Amino acid sequence: MNPLFINVTLPRLSQGHRRVKKAIRKRNKKWKLYNTTKKDTDYGKYKECRNLVVKELRNERIIFEQKLVKDVKNNPKFFL
């Protein structure tokens, strides 16, 4: 099993969510290309996409958590 194709679920559908899913699809395509060619240049392109995905996921998680903290007083039932 390839750990690169594990499904990533984000809390809510947002503009950032779409951006992350698009980046994941791009990363997966780069990985498939590298697996067929085994070229160092293709691996470098894959690494760039992989790092971008990780960065985007971290940013989205931070944004989501900040939104949760802000909304906790207005909607306490959301957390039950």
Protein backbone atom coordinates (compact mmCIF):
# COMPACT_ATOMS: atom_id res chain seq x y z
CA MET A 1 0.00 0.00 0.00
CA ASN A 2 1.32 3.39 -0.98
CA PRO A 3 1.05 5.92 1.88
CA LEU A 4 0.81 8.81 -0.58
CA PHE A 5 -2.74 7.99 -1.62
CA ILE A 6 -4.35 8.03 1.81
CA ASN A 7 -7.54 10.06 1.74
CA VAL A 8 -7.32 13.38 3.53
CA THR A 9 -10.51 14.73 5.03
CA LEU A 10 -10.86 18.36 5.91
CA PRO A 11 -13.54 19.60 8.32
CA ARG A 12 -15.62 21.81 6.02
CA LEU A 13 -15.90 22.52 2.33
CA SER A 14 -14.29 25.88 1.70
CA GLN A 15 -12.18 27.60 -0.91
CA GLY A 16 -9.09 26.36 0.87
CA HIS A 17 -10.49 22.83 0.86
CA ARG A 18 -10.82 22.92 -2.92
CA ARG A 19 -7.30 24.26 -3.24
CA VAL A 20 -5.92 21.45 -1.09
CA LYS A 21 -7.80 18.75 -3.00
CA LYS A 22 -6.51 20.14 -6.28
CA ALA A 23 -2.96 20.16 -4.92
CA ILE A 24 -3.35 16.55 -3.74
CA ARG A 25 -4.52 15.45 -7.18
CA LYS A 26 -1.57 17.24 -8.75
CA ARG A 27 0.82 15.60 -6.28
CA ASN A 28 -0.60 12.17 -7.07
CA LYS A 29 -0.17 12.73 -10.80
CA LYS A 30 3.44 13.77 -10.26
CA TRP A 31 4.02 10.62 -8.20
CA LYS A 32 2.58 8.39 -10.95
CA LEU A 33 4.75 10.15 -13.51
CA TYR A 34 7.84 9.60 -11.38
CA ASN A 35 6.99 5.92 -10.89
CA THR A 36 6.83 5.39 -14.63
CA THR A 37 9.95 7.37 -15.58
CA LYS A 38 12.15 7.15 -12.44
CA LYS A 39 13.81 10.44 -13.44
CA ASP A 40 15.32 12.72 -10.84
CA THR A 41 13.65 15.76 -12.40
CA ASP A 42 10.21 14.16 -12.05
CA TYR A 43 10.98 13.31 -8.42
CA GLY A 44 11.98 16.94 -7.80
CA LYS A 45 8.66 18.12 -9.23
CA TYR A 46 6.84 15.61 -7.05
CA LYS A 47 8.69 16.82 -3.94
CA GLU A 48 7.68 20.42 -4.66
CA CYS A 49 4.03 19.38 -4.94
CA ARG A 50 4.27 17.21 -1.82
CA ASN A 51 5.69 20.06 0.23
CA LEU A 52 2.99 22.40 -1.08
CA VAL A 53 0.27 19.94 -0.02
CA VAL A 54 1.71 19.66 3.48
CA LYS A 55 1.91 23.45 3.75
CA GLU A 56 -1.66 23.91 2.54
CA LEU A 57 -2.99 21.25 4.92
CA ARG A 58 -1.28 22.87 7.88
CA ASN A 59 -2.62 26.28 6.94
CA GLU A 60 -6.17 24.96 6.51
CA ARG A 61 -6.03 23.19 9.87
CA ILE A 62 -4.86 26.38 11.59
CA ILE A 63 -7.62 28.41 9.96
CA PHE A 64 -10.24 25.82 10.95
CA GLU A 65 -9.05 25.71 14.56
CA GLN A 66 -9.04 29.50 14.81
CA LYS A 67 -12.59 29.56 13.49
CA LEU A 68 -13.62 26.95 16.08
CA VAL A 69 -12.15 29.02 18.90
CA LYS A 70 -13.94 32.11 17.67
CA ASP A 71 -17.31 30.34 17.32
CA VAL A 72 -17.23 28.39 20.59
CA LYS A 73 -19.13 31.07 22.51
CA ASN A 74 -21.78 31.57 19.84
CA ASN A 75 -22.49 27.90 19.14
CA PRO A 76 -21.63 25.64 22.11
CA LYS A 77 -23.77 22.73 20.86
CA PHE A 78 -21.53 22.38 17.85
CA PHE A 79 -18.92 20.70 20.05
CA LEU A 80 -21.17 18.07 21.62
